[in-house]
Amino acid sequence: MRVVVMGCGRVGSSVADGLSRIGHDVAVIDRDSTAFNRLSPEFAGERVLGQGFDRDVLLRAGIEEAEAFAAVSSGDISNIISARLARETFGVQRVVARIYDAKRAEVYERLGIPTIA
């Protein structure tokens, strides 16, 4: 399964590594090239440098073929924008977003995007 992960921090790198390890086709996006150092040496996926809510960056990450998208960056607004793009523009069926501010949970809920805290 093709999975795009936005954010290569502690959570994103763990998600990307785990999915890659069990054989999924993974692309991880981050705006900081040093963030990719968090990935294990065995990570077999793609590293895409850029903003995860930029359509061109998402296209480079293979969003058009993705069956799942995880927005797990450190910013709620970035996560909500990229999750909406993945679902509404690119038609990704399985979308999940990380949330820091519980007050924003209602926004995600209205958009039908499951959240993780």
PDB file of N, CA and C in Angstrom:
ATOM      1  N   MET A   1       0.848  -1.173   0.000  1.00  0.00           N
ATOM      2  CA  MET A   1       0.000   0.000   0.000  1.00  0.00           C
ATOM      3  C   MET A   1       0.896   1.240   0.000  1.00  0.00           C
ATOM      4  N   ARG A   2       0.549   2.233  -0.796  1.00  0.00           N
ATOM      5  CA  ARG A   2       1.274   3.505  -0.845  1.00  0.00           C
ATOM      6  C   ARG A   2       0.768   4.382   0.289  1.00  0.00           C
ATOM      7  N   VAL A   3       1.698   4.866   1.134  1.00  0.00           N
ATOM      8  CA  VAL A   3       1.361   5.721   2.263  1.00  0.00           C
ATOM      9  C   VAL A   3       2.261   6.953   2.222  1.00  0.00           C
ATOM     10  N   VAL A   4       1.658   8.121   2.404  1.00  0.00           N
ATOM     11  CA  VAL A   4       2.423   9.357   2.508  1.00  0.00           C
ATOM     12  C   VAL A   4       2.310   9.849   3.944  1.00  0.00           C
ATOM     13  N   VAL A   5       3.459  10.139   4.549  1.00  0.00           N
ATOM     14  CA  VAL A   5       3.528  10.638   5.919  1.00  0.00           C
ATOM     15  C   VAL A   5       4.080  12.056   5.868  1.00  0.00           C
ATOM     16  N   MET A   6       3.329  13.010   6.411  1.00  0.00           N
ATOM     17  CA  MET A   6       3.811  14.387   6.465  1.00  0.00           C
ATOM     18  C   MET A   6       4.331  14.671   7.861  1.00  0.00           C
ATOM     19  N   GLY A   7       5.620  14.930   7.950  1.00  0.00           N
ATOM     20  CA  GLY A   7       6.266  15.196   9.226  1.00  0.00           C
ATOM     21  C   GLY A   7       7.197  14.056   9.584  1.00  0.00           C
ATOM     22  N   CYS A   8       8.463  14.382   9.795  1.00  0.00           N
ATOM     23  CA  CYS A   8       9.446  13.345  10.114  1.00  0.00           C
ATOM     24  C   CYS A   8      10.069  13.607  11.478  1.00  0.00           C
ATOM     25  N   GLY A   9       9.212  13.974  12.423  1.00  0.00           N
ATOM     26  CA  GLY A   9       9.653  14.125  13.802  1.00  0.00           C
ATOM     27  C   GLY A   9       9.624  12.759  14.478  1.00  0.00           C
ATOM     28  N   ARG A  10       9.480  12.766  15.790  1.00  0.00           N
ATOM     29  CA  ARG A  10       9.459  11.515  16.551  1.00  0.00           C
ATOM     30  C   ARG A  10       8.336  10.592  16.080  1.00  0.00           C
ATOM     31  N   VAL A  11       7.129  11.121  15.946  1.00  0.00           N
ATOM     32  CA  VAL A  11       5.982  10.303  15.544  1.00  0.00           C
ATOM     33  C   VAL A  11       6.065   9.923  14.069  1.00  0.00           C
ATOM     34  N   GLY A  12       6.302  10.899  13.211  1.00  0.00           N
ATOM     35  CA  GLY A  12       6.343  10.639  11.773  1.00  0.00           C
ATOM     36  C   GLY A  12       7.411   9.645  11.371  1.00  0.00           C
ATOM     37  N   SER A  13       8.605   9.778  11.951  1.00  0.00           N
ATOM     38  CA  SER A  13       9.679   8.840  11.604  1.00  0.00           C
ATOM     39  C   SER A  13       9.346   7.437  12.086  1.00  0.00           C
ATOM     40  N   SER A  14       8.716   7.339  13.246  1.00  0.00           N
ATOM     41  CA  SER A  14       8.322   6.029  13.773  1.00  0.00           C
ATOM     42  C   SER A  14       7.256   5.379  12.889  1.00  0.00           C
ATOM     43  N   VAL A  15       6.271   6.166  12.478  1.00  0.00           N
ATOM     44  CA  VAL A  15       5.213   5.660  11.598  1.00  0.00           C
ATOM     45  C   VAL A  15       5.808   5.222  10.257  1.00  0.00           C
ATOM     46  N   ALA A  16       6.639   6.084   9.670  1.00  0.00           N
ATOM     47  CA  ALA A  16       7.242   5.780   8.366  1.00  0.00           C
ATOM     48  C   ALA A  16       8.125   4.538   8.445  1.00  0.00           C
ATOM     49  N   ASP A  17       8.963   4.452   9.470  1.00  0.00           N
ATOM     50  CA  ASP A  17       9.832   3.282   9.636  1.00  0.00           C
ATOM     51  C   ASP A  17       9.017   2.003   9.798  1.00  0.00           C
ATOM     52  N   GLY A  18       7.998   2.070  10.644  1.00  0.00           N
ATOM     53  CA  GLY A  18       7.178   0.883  10.893  1.00  0.00           C
ATOM     54  C   GLY A  18       6.461   0.396   9.648  1.00  0.00           C
ATOM     55  N   LEU A  19       5.885   1.318   8.902  1.00  0.00           N
ATOM     56  CA  LEU A  19       5.177   0.937   7.674  1.00  0.00           C
ATOM     57  C   LEU A  19       6.139   0.399   6.622  1.00  0.00           C
ATOM     58  N   SER A  20       7.302   1.016   6.510  1.00  0.00           N
ATOM     59  CA  SER A  20       8.310   0.550   5.552  1.00  0.00           C
ATOM     60  C   SER A  20       8.794  -0.850   5.925  1.00  0.00           C
ATOM     61  N   ARG A  21       9.007  -1.055   7.213  1.00  0.00           N
ATOM     62  CA  ARG A  21       9.512  -2.344   7.705  1.00  0.00           C
ATOM     63  C   ARG A  21       8.568  -3.498   7.361  1.00  0.00           C
ATOM     64  N   ILE A  22       7.260  -3.238   7.349  1.00  0.00           N
ATOM     65  CA  ILE A  22       6.318  -4.327   7.047  1.00  0.00           C
ATOM     66  C   ILE A  22       5.932  -4.370   5.570  1.00  0.00           C
ATOM     67  N   GLY A  23       6.682  -3.617   4.759  1.00  0.00           N
ATOM     68  CA  GLY A  23       6.546  -3.764   3.321  1.00  0.00           C
ATOM     69  C   GLY A  23       5.704  -2.756   2.574  1.00  0.00           C
ATOM     70  N   HIS A  24       5.235  -1.715   3.258  1.00  0.00           N
ATOM     71  CA  HIS A  24       4.456  -0.693   2.559  1.00  0.00           C
ATOM     72  C   HIS A  24       5.378   0.245   1.789  1.00  0.00           C
ATOM     73  N   ASP A  25       4.845   0.845   0.748  1.00  0.00           N
ATOM     74  CA  ASP A  25       5.549   1.814  -0.085  1.00  0.00           C
ATOM     75  C   ASP A  25       5.317   3.186   0.552  1.00  0.00           C
ATOM     76  N   VAL A  26       6.340   3.746   1.199  1.00  0.00           N
ATOM     77  CA  VAL A  26       6.179   4.941   2.026  1.00  0.00           C
ATOM     78  C   VAL A  26       6.982   6.117   1.478  1.00  0.00           C
ATOM     79  N   ALA A  27       6.354   7.290   1.504  1.00  0.00           N
ATOM     80  CA  ALA A  27       7.057   8.549   1.249  1.00  0.00           C
ATOM     81  C   ALA A  27       6.840   9.422   2.473  1.00  0.00           C
ATOM     82  N   VAL A  28       7.913  10.006   2.976  1.00  0.00           N
ATOM     83  CA  VAL A  28       7.807  10.890   4.130  1.00  0.00           C
ATOM     84  C   VAL A  28       8.247  12.290   3.706  1.00  0.00           C
ATOM     85  N   ILE A  29       7.443  13.281   4.109  1.00  0.00           N
ATOM     86  CA  ILE A  29       7.675  14.681   3.747  1.00  0.00           C
ATOM     87  C   ILE A  29       8.092  15.455   4.992  1.00  0.00           C
ATOM     88  N   ASP A  30       9.107  16.305   4.840  1.00  0.00           N
ATOM     89  CA  ASP A  30       9.457  17.242   5.908  1.00  0.00           C
ATOM     90  C   ASP A  30      10.123  18.454   5.280  1.00  0.00           C
ATOM     91  N   ARG A  31       9.968  19.596   5.925  1.00  0.00           N
ATOM     92  CA  ARG A  31      10.568  20.827   5.396  1.00  0.00           C
ATOM     93  C   ARG A  31      12.017  20.997   5.839  1.00  0.00           C
ATOM     94  N   ASP A  32      12.462  20.160   6.785  1.00  0.00           N
ATOM     95  CA  ASP A  32      13.825  20.222   7.315  1.00  0.00           C
ATOM     96  C   ASP A  32      14.577  18.958   6.911  1.00  0.00           C
ATOM     97  N   SER A  33      15.594  19.090   6.092  1.00  0.00           N
ATOM     98  CA  SER A  33      16.313  17.911   5.596  1.00  0.00           C
ATOM     99  C   SER A  33      16.967  17.108   6.715  1.00  0.00           C
ATOM    100  N   THR A  34      17.328  17.759   7.823  1.00  0.00           N
ATOM    101  CA  THR A  34      17.958  17.014   8.918  1.00  0.00           C
ATOM    102  C   THR A  34      16.957  16.114   9.640  1.00  0.00           C
ATOM    103  N   ALA A  35      15.669  16.374   9.480  1.00  0.00           N
ATOM    104  CA  ALA A  35      14.647  15.533  10.118  1.00  0.00           C
ATOM    105  C   ALA A  35      14.713  14.101   9.610  1.00  0.00           C
ATOM    106  N   PHE A  36      15.149  13.920   8.371  1.00  0.00           N
ATOM    107  CA  PHE A  36      15.228  12.575   7.801  1.00  0.00           C
ATOM    108  C   PHE A  36      16.270  11.708   8.507  1.00  0.00           C
ATOM    109  N   ASN A  37      17.163  12.345   9.284  1.00  0.00           N
ATOM    110  CA  ASN A  37      18.152  11.581  10.056  1.00  0.00           C
ATOM    111  C   ASN A  37      17.483  10.719  11.123  1.00  0.00           C
ATOM    112  N   ARG A  38      16.233  11.030  11.468  1.00  0.00           N
ATOM    113  CA  ARG A  38      15.502  10.237  12.462  1.00  0.00           C
ATOM    114  C   ARG A  38      15.069   8.875  11.912  1.00  0.00           C
ATOM    115  N   LEU A  39      15.030   8.749  10.596  1.00  0.00           N
ATOM    116  CA  LEU A  39      14.634   7.476   9.981  1.00  0.00           C
ATOM    117  C   LEU A  39      15.739   6.448  10.174  1.00  0.00           C
ATOM    118  N   SER A  40      15.335   5.212  10.332  1.00  0.00           N
ATOM    119  CA  SER A  40      16.327   4.150  10.506  1.00  0.00           C
ATOM    120  C   SER A  40      17.101   3.945   9.206  1.00  0.00           C
ATOM    121  N   PRO A  41      18.308   3.398   9.296  1.00  0.00           N
ATOM    122  CA  PRO A  41      19.087   3.121   8.081  1.00  0.00           C
ATOM    123  C   PRO A  41      18.374   2.140   7.147  1.00  0.00           C
ATOM    124  N   GLU A  42      17.471   1.342   7.685  1.00  0.00           N
ATOM    125  CA  GLU A  42      16.742   0.353   6.888  1.00  0.00           C
ATOM    126  C   GLU A  42      15.528   0.934   6.168  1.00  0.00           C
ATOM    127  N   PHE A  43      15.208   2.204   6.416  1.00  0.00           N
ATOM    128  CA  PHE A  43      14.034   2.808   5.781  1.00  0.00           C
ATOM    129  C   PHE A  43      14.189   2.721   4.268  1.00  0.00           C
ATOM    130  N   ALA A  44      13.222   2.085   3.624  1.00  0.00           N
ATOM    131  CA  ALA A  44      13.308   1.831   2.179  1.00  0.00           C
ATOM    132  C   ALA A  44      12.469   2.802   1.353  1.00  0.00           C
ATOM    133  N   GLY A  45      11.822   3.751   2.017  1.00  0.00           N
ATOM    134  CA  GLY A  45      10.931   4.663   1.303  1.00  0.00           C
ATOM    135  C   GLY A  45      11.617   5.901   0.768  1.00  0.00           C
ATOM    136  N   GLU A  46      10.786   6.842   0.352  1.00  0.00           N
ATOM    137  CA  GLU A  46      11.266   8.099  -0.222  1.00  0.00           C
ATOM    138  C   GLU A  46      11.272   9.200   0.826  1.00  0.00           C
ATOM    139  N   ARG A  47      12.237  10.082   0.693  1.00  0.00           N
ATOM    140  CA  ARG A  47      12.327  11.280   1.516  1.00  0.00           C
ATOM    141  C   ARG A  47      12.037  12.462   0.596  1.00  0.00           C
ATOM    142  N   VAL A  48      11.024  13.257   0.948  1.00  0.00           N
ATOM    143  CA  VAL A  48      10.627  14.379   0.097  1.00  0.00           C
ATOM    144  C   VAL A  48      10.750  15.662   0.909  1.00  0.00           C
ATOM    145  N   LEU A  49      11.610  16.564   0.445  1.00  0.00           N
ATOM    146  CA  LEU A  49      11.841  17.823   1.138  1.00  0.00           C
ATOM    147  C   LEU A  49      10.825  18.862   0.675  1.00  0.00           C
ATOM    148  N   GLY A  50      10.134  19.485   1.637  1.00  0.00           N
ATOM    149  CA  GLY A  50       9.171  20.530   1.295  1.00  0.00           C
ATOM    150  C   GLY A  50       8.046  20.623   2.303  1.00  0.00           C
ATOM    151  N   GLN A  51       7.138  21.560   2.054  1.00  0.00           N
ATOM    152  CA  GLN A  51       5.965  21.754   2.906  1.00  0.00           C
ATOM    153  C   GLN A  51       4.904  20.722   2.548  1.00  0.00           C
ATOM    154  N   GLY A  52       4.380  20.049   3.530  1.00  0.00           N
ATOM    155  CA  GLY A  52       3.412  18.988   3.293  1.00  0.00           C
ATOM    156  C   GLY A  52       2.052  19.443   2.815  1.00  0.00           C
ATOM    157  N   PHE A  53       1.801  20.745   2.812  1.00  0.00           N
ATOM    158  CA  PHE A  53       0.527  21.235   2.287  1.00  0.00           C
ATOM    159  C   PHE A  53       0.703  21.877   0.910  1.00  0.00           C
ATOM    160  N   ASP A  54       1.890  21.757   0.337  1.00  0.00           N
ATOM    161  CA  ASP A  54       2.169  22.248  -1.014  1.00  0.00           C
ATOM    162  C   ASP A  54       1.798  21.150  -2.012  1.00  0.00           C
ATOM    163  N   ARG A  55       0.902  21.457  -2.931  1.00  0.00           N
ATOM    164  CA  ARG A  55       0.415  20.450  -3.888  1.00  0.00           C
ATOM    165  C   ARG A  55       1.546  19.808  -4.680  1.00  0.00           C
ATOM    166  N   ASP A  56       2.523  20.606  -5.108  1.00  0.00           N
ATOM    167  CA  ASP A  56       3.643  20.052  -5.877  1.00  0.00           C
ATOM    168  C   ASP A  56       4.467  19.076  -5.041  1.00  0.00           C
ATOM    169  N   VAL A  57       4.650  19.398  -3.774  1.00  0.00           N
ATOM    170  CA  VAL A  57       5.384  18.503  -2.871  1.00  0.00           C
ATOM    171  C   VAL A  57       4.601  17.207  -2.687  1.00  0.00           C
ATOM    172  N   LEU A  58       3.296  17.321  -2.487  1.00  0.00           N
ATOM    173  CA  LEU A  58       2.459  16.128  -2.345  1.00  0.00           C
ATOM    174  C   LEU A  58       2.515  15.267  -3.607  1.00  0.00           C
ATOM    175  N   LEU A  59       2.516  15.905  -4.756  1.00  0.00           N
ATOM    176  CA  LEU A  59       2.613  15.150  -6.014  1.00  0.00           C
ATOM    177  C   LEU A  59       3.956  14.434  -6.115  1.00  0.00           C
ATOM    178  N   ARG A  60       5.048  15.109  -5.705  1.00  0.00           N
ATOM    179  CA  ARG A  60       6.368  14.461  -5.724  1.00  0.00           C
ATOM    180  C   ARG A  60       6.406  13.263  -4.781  1.00  0.00           C
ATOM    181  N   ALA A  61       5.597  13.327  -3.724  1.00  0.00           N
ATOM    182  CA  ALA A  61       5.543  12.231  -2.757  1.00  0.00           C
ATOM    183  C   ALA A  61       4.637  11.095  -3.222  1.00  0.00           C
ATOM    184  N   GLY A  62       3.985  11.271  -4.355  1.00  0.00           N
ATOM    185  CA  GLY A  62       3.136  10.210  -4.884  1.00  0.00           C
ATOM    186  C   GLY A  62       1.745  10.156  -4.294  1.00  0.00           C
ATOM    187  N   ILE A  63       1.228  11.315  -3.884  1.00  0.00           N
ATOM    188  CA  ILE A  63      -0.094  11.362  -3.260  1.00  0.00           C
ATOM    189  C   ILE A  63      -1.197  10.822  -4.164  1.00  0.00           C
ATOM    190  N   GLU A  64      -1.026  10.940  -5.468  1.00  0.00           N
ATOM    191  CA  GLU A  64      -2.071  10.472  -6.388  1.00  0.00           C
ATOM    192  C   GLU A  64      -2.245   8.960  -6.342  1.00  0.00           C
ATOM    193  N   GLU A  65      -1.222   8.244  -5.931  1.00  0.00           N
ATOM    194  CA  GLU A  65      -1.310   6.783  -5.824  1.00  0.00           C
ATOM    195  C   GLU A  65      -1.527   6.325  -4.382  1.00  0.00           C
ATOM    196  N   ALA A  66      -1.526   7.266  -3.442  1.00  0.00           N
ATOM    197  CA  ALA A  66      -1.595   6.909  -2.024  1.00  0.00           C
ATOM    198  C   ALA A  66      -2.963   6.364  -1.629  1.00  0.00           C
ATOM    199  N   GLU A  67      -2.925   5.337  -0.813  1.00  0.00           N
ATOM    200  CA  GLU A  67      -4.140   4.786  -0.214  1.00  0.00           C
ATOM    201  C   GLU A  67      -4.329   5.304   1.204  1.00  0.00           C
ATOM    202  N   ALA A  68      -3.254   5.894   1.771  1.00  0.00           N
ATOM    203  CA  ALA A  68      -3.330   6.427   3.129  1.00  0.00           C
ATOM    204  C   ALA A  68      -2.406   7.634   3.262  1.00  0.00           C
ATOM    205  N   PHE A  69      -2.805   8.552   4.154  1.00  0.00           N
ATOM    206  CA  PHE A  69      -2.030   9.769   4.410  1.00  0.00           C
ATOM    207  C   PHE A  69      -2.073  10.050   5.902  1.00  0.00           C
ATOM    208  N   ALA A  70      -0.914  10.310   6.500  1.00  0.00           N
ATOM    209  CA  ALA A  70      -0.832  10.663   7.917  1.00  0.00           C
ATOM    210  C   ALA A  70      -0.183  12.032   8.042  1.00  0.00           C
ATOM    211  N   ALA A  71      -0.926  12.998   8.581  1.00  0.00           N
ATOM    212  CA  ALA A  71      -0.405  14.345   8.817  1.00  0.00           C
ATOM    213  C   ALA A  71       0.023  14.411  10.276  1.00  0.00           C
ATOM    214  N   VAL A  72       1.316  14.254  10.518  1.00  0.00           N
ATOM    215  CA  VAL A  72       1.812  14.159  11.892  1.00  0.00           C
ATOM    216  C   VAL A  72       2.940  15.159  12.152  1.00  0.00           C
ATOM    217  N   SER A  73       2.841  16.337  11.538  1.00  0.00           N
ATOM    218  CA  SER A  73       3.848  17.369  11.777  1.00  0.00           C
ATOM    219  C   SER A  73       3.590  18.000  13.144  1.00  0.00           C
ATOM    220  N   SER A  74       4.409  18.974  13.494  1.00  0.00           N
ATOM    221  CA  SER A  74       4.260  19.618  14.799  1.00  0.00           C
ATOM    222  C   SER A  74       3.271  20.782  14.781  1.00  0.00           C
ATOM    223  N   GLY A  75       2.574  20.990  13.664  1.00  0.00           N
ATOM    224  CA  GLY A  75       1.639  22.112  13.588  1.00  0.00           C
ATOM    225  C   GLY A  75       0.224  21.693  13.242  1.00  0.00           C
ATOM    226  N   ASP A  76      -0.719  22.043  14.093  1.00  0.00           N
ATOM    227  CA  ASP A  76      -2.122  21.693  13.855  1.00  0.00           C
ATOM    228  C   ASP A  76      -2.646  22.248  12.533  1.00  0.00           C
ATOM    229  N   ILE A  77      -2.316  23.498  12.239  1.00  0.00           N
ATOM    230  CA  ILE A  77      -2.835  24.121  11.020  1.00  0.00           C
ATOM    231  C   ILE A  77      -2.268  23.415   9.785  1.00  0.00           C
ATOM    232  N   SER A  78      -0.976  23.160   9.783  1.00  0.00           N
ATOM    233  CA  SER A  78      -0.359  22.423   8.665  1.00  0.00           C
ATOM    234  C   SER A  78      -1.005  21.057   8.508  1.00  0.00           C
ATOM    235  N   ASN A  79      -1.254  20.397   9.623  1.00  0.00           N
ATOM    236  CA  ASN A  79      -1.853  19.061   9.576  1.00  0.00           C
ATOM    237  C   ASN A  79      -3.264  19.100   8.999  1.00  0.00           C
ATOM    238  N   ILE A  80      -4.047  20.086   9.414  1.00  0.00           N
ATOM    239  CA  ILE A  80      -5.426  20.145   8.930  1.00  0.00           C
ATOM    240  C   ILE A  80      -5.471  20.497   7.441  1.00  0.00           C
ATOM    241  N   ILE A  81      -4.605  21.413   7.008  1.00  0.00           N
ATOM    242  CA  ILE A  81      -4.585  21.793   5.589  1.00  0.00           C
ATOM    243  C   ILE A  81      -4.150  20.616   4.731  1.00  0.00           C
ATOM    244  N   SER A  82      -3.081  19.948   5.127  1.00  0.00           N
ATOM    245  CA  SER A  82      -2.585  18.827   4.316  1.00  0.00           C
ATOM    246  C   SER A  82      -3.560  17.653   4.327  1.00  0.00           C
ATOM    247  N   ALA A  83      -4.202  17.405   5.458  1.00  0.00           N
ATOM    248  CA  ALA A  83      -5.181  16.316   5.535  1.00  0.00           C
ATOM    249  C   ALA A  83      -6.368  16.598   4.613  1.00  0.00           C
ATOM    250  N   ARG A  84      -6.827  17.845   4.588  1.00  0.00           N
ATOM    251  CA  ARG A  84      -7.930  18.217   3.683  1.00  0.00           C
ATOM    252  C   ARG A  84      -7.522  18.070   2.225  1.00  0.00           C
ATOM    253  N   LEU A  85      -6.323  18.508   1.897  1.00  0.00           N
ATOM    254  CA  LEU A  85      -5.836  18.359   0.522  1.00  0.00           C
ATOM    255  C   LEU A  85      -5.790  16.889   0.124  1.00  0.00           C
ATOM    256  N   ALA A  86      -5.240  16.075   1.010  1.00  0.00           N
ATOM    257  CA  ALA A  86      -5.131  14.644   0.708  1.00  0.00           C
ATOM    258  C   ALA A  86      -6.505  14.044   0.436  1.00  0.00           C
ATOM    259  N   ARG A  87      -7.460  14.368   1.277  1.00  0.00           N
ATOM    260  CA  ARG A  87      -8.797  13.790   1.140  1.00  0.00           C
ATOM    261  C   ARG A  87      -9.594  14.428   0.005  1.00  0.00           C
ATOM    262  N   GLU A  88      -9.694  15.747  -0.002  1.00  0.00           N
ATOM    263  CA  GLU A  88     -10.608  16.429  -0.915  1.00  0.00           C
ATOM    264  C   GLU A  88     -10.045  16.650  -2.314  1.00  0.00           C
ATOM    265  N   THR A  89      -8.769  16.920  -2.419  1.00  0.00           N
ATOM    266  CA  THR A  89      -8.173  17.190  -3.729  1.00  0.00           C
ATOM    267  C   THR A  89      -7.666  15.919  -4.395  1.00  0.00           C
ATOM    268  N   PHE A  90      -7.031  15.055  -3.595  1.00  0.00           N
ATOM    269  CA  PHE A  90      -6.400  13.870  -4.170  1.00  0.00           C
ATOM    270  C   PHE A  90      -7.173  12.580  -3.919  1.00  0.00           C
ATOM    271  N   GLY A  91      -8.261  12.654  -3.162  1.00  0.00           N
ATOM    272  CA  GLY A  91      -9.135  11.501  -2.976  1.00  0.00           C
ATOM    273  C   GLY A  91      -8.577  10.362  -2.149  1.00  0.00           C
ATOM    274  N   VAL A  92      -7.623  10.666  -1.266  1.00  0.00           N
ATOM    275  CA  VAL A  92      -7.077   9.622  -0.395  1.00  0.00           C
ATOM    276  C   VAL A  92      -8.166   9.223   0.603  1.00  0.00           C
ATOM    277  N   GLN A  93      -8.446   7.938   0.691  1.00  0.00           N
ATOM    278  CA  GLN A  93      -9.542   7.455   1.530  1.00  0.00           C
ATOM    279  C   GLN A  93      -9.189   7.371   3.012  1.00  0.00           C
ATOM    280  N   ARG A  94      -7.981   6.938   3.323  1.00  0.00           N
ATOM    281  CA  ARG A  94      -7.568   6.780   4.726  1.00  0.00           C
ATOM    282  C   ARG A  94      -6.669   7.953   5.106  1.00  0.00           C
ATOM    283  N   VAL A  95      -7.219   8.879   5.873  1.00  0.00           N
ATOM    284  CA  VAL A  95      -6.481  10.071   6.285  1.00  0.00           C
ATOM    285  C   VAL A  95      -6.590  10.204   7.796  1.00  0.00           C
ATOM    286  N   VAL A  96      -5.454  10.452   8.440  1.00  0.00           N
ATOM    287  CA  VAL A  96      -5.435  10.679   9.880  1.00  0.00           C
ATOM    288  C   VAL A  96      -4.523  11.871  10.143  1.00  0.00           C
ATOM    289  N   ALA A  97      -4.850  12.659  11.176  1.00  0.00           N
ATOM    290  CA  ALA A  97      -4.060  13.843  11.488  1.00  0.00           C
ATOM    291  C   ALA A  97      -3.763  13.911  12.977  1.00  0.00           C
ATOM    292  N   ARG A  98      -2.561  14.341  13.283  1.00  0.00           N
ATOM    293  CA  ARG A  98      -2.153  14.551  14.669  1.00  0.00           C
ATOM    294  C   ARG A  98      -2.676  15.911  15.115  1.00  0.00           C
ATOM    295  N   ILE A  99      -3.087  15.986  16.383  1.00  0.00           N
ATOM    296  CA  ILE A  99      -3.619  17.232  16.919  1.00  0.00           C
ATOM    297  C   ILE A  99      -2.948  17.533  18.258  1.00  0.00           C
ATOM    298  N   TYR A 100      -2.584  18.786  18.439  1.00  0.00           N
ATOM    299  CA  TYR A 100      -1.989  19.238  19.696  1.00  0.00           C
ATOM    300  C   TYR A 100      -3.011  19.975  20.542  1.00  0.00           C
ATOM    301  N   ASP A 101      -3.767  20.868  19.918  1.00  0.00           N
ATOM    302  CA  ASP A 101      -4.744  21.692  20.619  1.00  0.00           C
ATOM    303  C   ASP A 101      -6.110  21.012  20.558  1.00  0.00           C
ATOM    304  N   ALA A 102      -6.562  20.502  21.682  1.00  0.00           N
ATOM    305  CA  ALA A 102      -7.832  19.771  21.739  1.00  0.00           C
ATOM    306  C   ALA A 102      -9.010  20.630  21.271  1.00  0.00           C
ATOM    307  N   LYS A 103      -8.881  21.951  21.353  1.00  0.00           N
ATOM    308  CA  LYS A 103      -9.956  22.838  20.910  1.00  0.00           C
ATOM    309  C   LYS A 103     -10.187  22.725  19.404  1.00  0.00           C
ATOM    310  N   ARG A 104      -9.182  22.280  18.679  1.00  0.00           N
ATOM    311  CA  ARG A 104      -9.318  22.146  17.229  1.00  0.00           C
ATOM    312  C   ARG A 104      -9.911  20.796  16.821  1.00  0.00           C
ATOM    313  N   ALA A 105     -10.112  19.919  17.756  1.00  0.00           N
ATOM    314  CA  ALA A 105     -10.639  18.584  17.449  1.00  0.00           C
ATOM    315  C   ALA A 105     -11.979  18.674  16.726  1.00  0.00           C
ATOM    316  N   GLU A 106     -12.788  19.657  17.085  1.00  0.00           N
ATOM    317  CA  GLU A 106     -14.102  19.820  16.457  1.00  0.00           C
ATOM    318  C   GLU A 106     -13.971  20.100  14.954  1.00  0.00           C
ATOM    319  N   VAL A 107     -12.967  20.869  14.582  1.00  0.00           N
ATOM    320  CA  VAL A 107     -12.747  21.177  13.166  1.00  0.00           C
ATOM    321  C   VAL A 107     -12.443  19.896  12.402  1.00  0.00           C
ATOM    322  N   TYR A 108     -11.534  19.106  12.932  1.00  0.00           N
ATOM    323  CA  TYR A 108     -11.191  17.834  12.296  1.00  0.00           C
ATOM    324  C   TYR A 108     -12.422  16.933  12.207  1.00  0.00           C
ATOM    325  N   GLU A 109     -13.193  16.900  13.281  1.00  0.00           N
ATOM    326  CA  GLU A 109     -14.384  16.047  13.327  1.00  0.00           C
ATOM    327  C   GLU A 109     -15.388  16.448  12.243  1.00  0.00           C
ATOM    328  N   ARG A 110     -15.615  17.752  12.082  1.00  0.00           N
ATOM    329  CA  ARG A 110     -16.539  18.235  11.040  1.00  0.00           C
ATOM    330  C   ARG A 110     -16.059  17.854   9.648  1.00  0.00           C
ATOM    331  N   LEU A 111     -14.747  17.774   9.481  1.00  0.00           N
ATOM    332  CA  LEU A 111     -14.176  17.415   8.185  1.00  0.00           C
ATOM    333  C   LEU A 111     -14.100  15.904   7.984  1.00  0.00           C
ATOM    334  N   GLY A 112     -14.459  15.158   9.028  1.00  0.00           N
ATOM    335  CA  GLY A 112     -14.423  13.704   8.925  1.00  0.00           C
ATOM    336  C   GLY A 112     -13.020  13.134   8.936  1.00  0.00           C
ATOM    337  N   ILE A 113     -12.088  13.844   9.585  1.00  0.00           N
ATOM    338  CA  ILE A 113     -10.698  13.390   9.646  1.00  0.00           C
ATOM    339  C   ILE A 113     -10.402  12.875  11.047  1.00  0.00           C
ATOM    340  N   PRO A 114     -10.112  11.581  11.181  1.00  0.00           N
ATOM    341  CA  PRO A 114      -9.753  11.034  12.489  1.00  0.00           C
ATOM    342  C   PRO A 114      -8.467  11.680  13.004  1.00  0.00           C
ATOM    343  N   THR A 115      -8.381  11.846  14.319  1.00  0.00           N
ATOM    344  CA  THR A 115      -7.202  12.478  14.910  1.00  0.00           C
ATOM    345  C   THR A 115      -6.511  11.554  15.899  1.00  0.00           C
ATOM    346  N   ILE A 116      -5.225  11.846  16.101  1.00  0.00           N
ATOM    347  CA  ILE A 116      -4.450  11.212  17.158  1.00  0.00           C
ATOM    348  C   ILE A 116      -3.814  12.336  17.955  1.00  0.00           C
ATOM    349  N   ALA A 117      -3.666  12.136  19.248  1.00  0.00           N
ATOM    350  CA  ALA A 117      -3.084  13.186  20.097  1.00  0.00           C
ATOM    351  C   ALA A 117      -1.707  12.785  20.562  1.00  0.00           C
TER     352      ALA A 117
END
